[in-house]
Amino acid sequence: MLHIALLMLEWFMVKQRSALVVGGGIAGLQASLDLAQNGFKVYVVERQSALGGTVRQLSRLFPTLEDAEGRVKPLIERAVSNPMIQVFTLAEVKAVSGSIGNFRVKIVKAFSSAGQSSEAVEEIQADVIFVATGFSQYDAGRVGQYRYGQYPNVVTGLEYESMCKPNGPTQGRVVRPDNEQKPRSVVFVLCVGSRDEKHLRYCCNLGCLNAIKHAHLLQEQYGKDVEAYVCYTDVRAVTKTGEQFYNRVRAEEVEFIHGQPSEVREAQDGTLTLDVYDQATSKLLSITADLVVLEMGLPPRVDIAEMLGLTLTEDGFIREKDQQLYVNETSVEGVFLAGGVQQPMHSYQAVSNASAAVLKALAALNRT
């Protein structure tokens, strides 16, 4: 019996697979949990000090408007408590060699002891690699007419989200950053840095519904005491419940203006003036606002691409093996894409995309 038990243990050790997941956002967490459930030893590498990625920075999630942190927290808890998952935070992948079934990876972990920084290097083996590095927010300072970084009452969508968080810098209150007073008027500007040949050519996919959500949260907090404007190129409320949500917010007396502001000007009291040509009415409008929110383009985080031997498209995305049939696979066998690194996605889309990537990896390993 002992001999049989040893043989079974040896068989299990030989057969157990391992995976590297680069990125600890909601897609990376879902991929890790799916892999662990399928018997993989999983190594999660996250640059930040905490897991959760972009979702953890949000206040509420479309389409349910549920608390974002409350949604991602159970995934984090399941991952860190799972004995099959080893998490490295404040860490980066520094070198990768080998191929599917036997990637060799060096991970650099930053930590501090007794007030002094140092680094430690850990080497692991992985059968497959998942790139789940998500997307970032385009640099708003590069879109000069909005004076981001110059006028304190011009903020990005993510900064607005942090104001809406109960545990955020303003305890959930939307305020003017310069004096922390309730705004009388807020303008949300769509497509800042996206759908623009000078910046990002592609649609950010999330900006329209983010702005609609942001306007709704403003109305929910202040009602008719605060005027809300959305300046748009097109409203692309394309998800399953997007159109209904758009119509709901229009009924809340949010004013939608079909045009983009030419520039933002600041008065001595910190208020902002925007001139917008409304294509719907053929009128040039001048709006005075206490707060301007820029819904930014969302480029992918692809720093690791070169290390893995992956190429990028003209728009800066990691090139997929095939845009129709193999959307989670790359040109390097054994390296898979999960979540928003492929294109900006809502959180629920990133979760299902990550699970699909795991299925692709299982199929690939079965072929080897």
Foldseek 3Di string as FASTA:
>chain_A
DVVVVVVVVVVLVVPEAEEEEEAQALLSLLLQVLNVVVRYQYEYEEQAPAGHPLLCLFQAFPPVRDGSCVVCVVSRVVQVPRPSYDYAYNKDWDAWDDAAQWIKTKMKGWDDDPRHIDIDIDIDTHNFYEYAQAWDFPDLVVLPQAPPVNFQQEEALSVLRLCCHCPHPVNRADARPVPRHRKQEEEEEEQRQECDPVHFVHHQVCLLVSLLVSLVSSCVVPNNSHAAEYEDCDRCLDDPCRVVSNVVSVVSVHHYFNFGFPHWDADPVSWIWTWTQGPVVRDIDIDIISHYYYHGHIAADCPCQVSQVFDADPRGATDAPDVPPTQQHGPGPRYGYAANSSGDDGSVVRSVRSSVNSVVNVVSVVVD
